[in-house]
Amino acid sequence: MRTLSELKPGEKSIIADVSSDSKIKRKLVEMGITKGEEVEMIRVAPLGDPIAVEIRGYKLTIRKNDAKHIKIK
């Protein structure tokens, strides 16, 4: 299964799962990253980290390491 960190700018996908320790998972859920939501990759920083995504109409910046815990389908 792919992760959010693998999306290319302009690609959209659906969040399938957030699998991480409770601290990171709680932070991601508080940001609105929950199962079943559509997410679009907006851009990747020049050095590859962080990434900018749009979810629920909001633009968020996420560290690539955290995005690796977000499974997409």
Protein backbone atom coordinates (compact mmCIF):
# COMPACT_ATOMS: atom_id res chain seq x y z
CA MET A 1 0.00 0.00 0.00
CA ARG A 2 1.28 3.47 -0.89
CA THR A 3 1.85 6.25 1.60
CA LEU A 4 1.09 9.96 1.38
CA SER A 5 4.80 10.69 1.03
CA GLU A 6 4.78 8.89 -2.36
CA LEU A 7 2.18 11.13 -4.05
CA LYS A 8 3.32 13.48 -6.79
CA PRO A 9 2.15 17.12 -6.97
CA GLY A 10 -1.38 17.28 -8.39
CA GLU A 11 -2.22 13.66 -7.48
CA LYS A 12 -5.25 12.93 -5.32
CA SER A 13 -5.96 9.90 -3.17
CA ILE A 14 -8.08 8.68 -0.27
CA ILE A 15 -6.63 8.14 3.20
CA ALA A 16 -6.88 4.45 4.08
CA ASP A 17 -5.23 4.44 7.50
CA VAL A 18 -2.96 6.34 9.86
CA SER A 19 -0.52 3.91 11.43
CA SER A 20 1.88 5.35 13.96
CA ASP A 21 2.48 5.66 17.66
CA SER A 22 -0.31 7.38 19.57
CA LYS A 23 1.44 10.77 19.82
CA ILE A 24 1.99 11.20 16.07
CA LYS A 25 -1.39 9.66 15.20
CA ARG A 26 -3.18 12.04 17.57
CA LYS A 27 -1.37 15.03 16.03
CA LEU A 28 -2.32 13.96 12.50
CA VAL A 29 -5.96 13.35 13.45
CA GLU A 30 -6.12 16.79 15.11
CA MET A 31 -4.94 18.24 11.78
CA GLY A 32 -7.94 16.58 10.07
CA ILE A 33 -6.09 13.64 8.56
CA THR A 34 -8.59 10.83 9.03
CA LYS A 35 -9.56 7.64 7.23
CA GLY A 36 -11.77 8.17 4.18
CA GLU A 37 -10.79 11.79 3.49
CA GLU A 38 -9.58 12.86 0.06
CA VAL A 39 -6.11 14.38 0.03
CA GLU A 40 -4.24 16.17 -2.76
CA MET A 41 -0.49 16.69 -2.94
CA ILE A 42 0.09 20.40 -3.58
CA ARG A 43 3.87 20.60 -3.60
CA VAL A 44 7.11 19.17 -2.29
CA ALA A 45 9.77 21.48 -0.86
CA PRO A 46 12.96 21.82 -2.95
CA LEU A 47 14.91 19.46 -0.70
CA GLY A 48 11.96 17.03 -0.47
CA ASP A 49 10.78 17.96 3.01
CA PRO A 50 8.21 19.14 4.07
CA ILE A 51 5.28 18.45 1.76
CA ALA A 52 2.15 20.57 1.30
CA VAL A 53 -1.22 18.84 0.96
CA GLU A 54 -4.84 19.91 0.79
CA ILE A 55 -7.43 18.07 2.86
CA ARG A 56 -10.97 19.17 3.79
CA GLY A 57 -10.33 22.43 1.95
CA TYR A 58 -7.30 23.31 4.10
CA LYS A 59 -3.67 23.42 3.04
CA LEU A 60 -1.34 21.67 5.48
CA THR A 61 2.41 21.27 5.62
CA ILE A 62 3.56 17.89 6.89
CA ARG A 63 7.01 16.46 7.47
CA LYS A 64 7.75 13.68 4.99
CA ASN A 65 8.57 11.34 7.88
CA ASP A 66 5.06 11.84 9.31
CA ALA A 67 3.51 11.40 5.83
CA LYS A 68 5.08 7.94 5.65
CA HIS A 69 2.65 6.84 8.39
CA ILE A 70 -0.41 7.81 6.30
CA LYS A 71 -1.56 4.94 4.07
CA ILE A 72 -3.50 5.89 0.93
CA LYS A 73 -5.55 4.04 -1.69
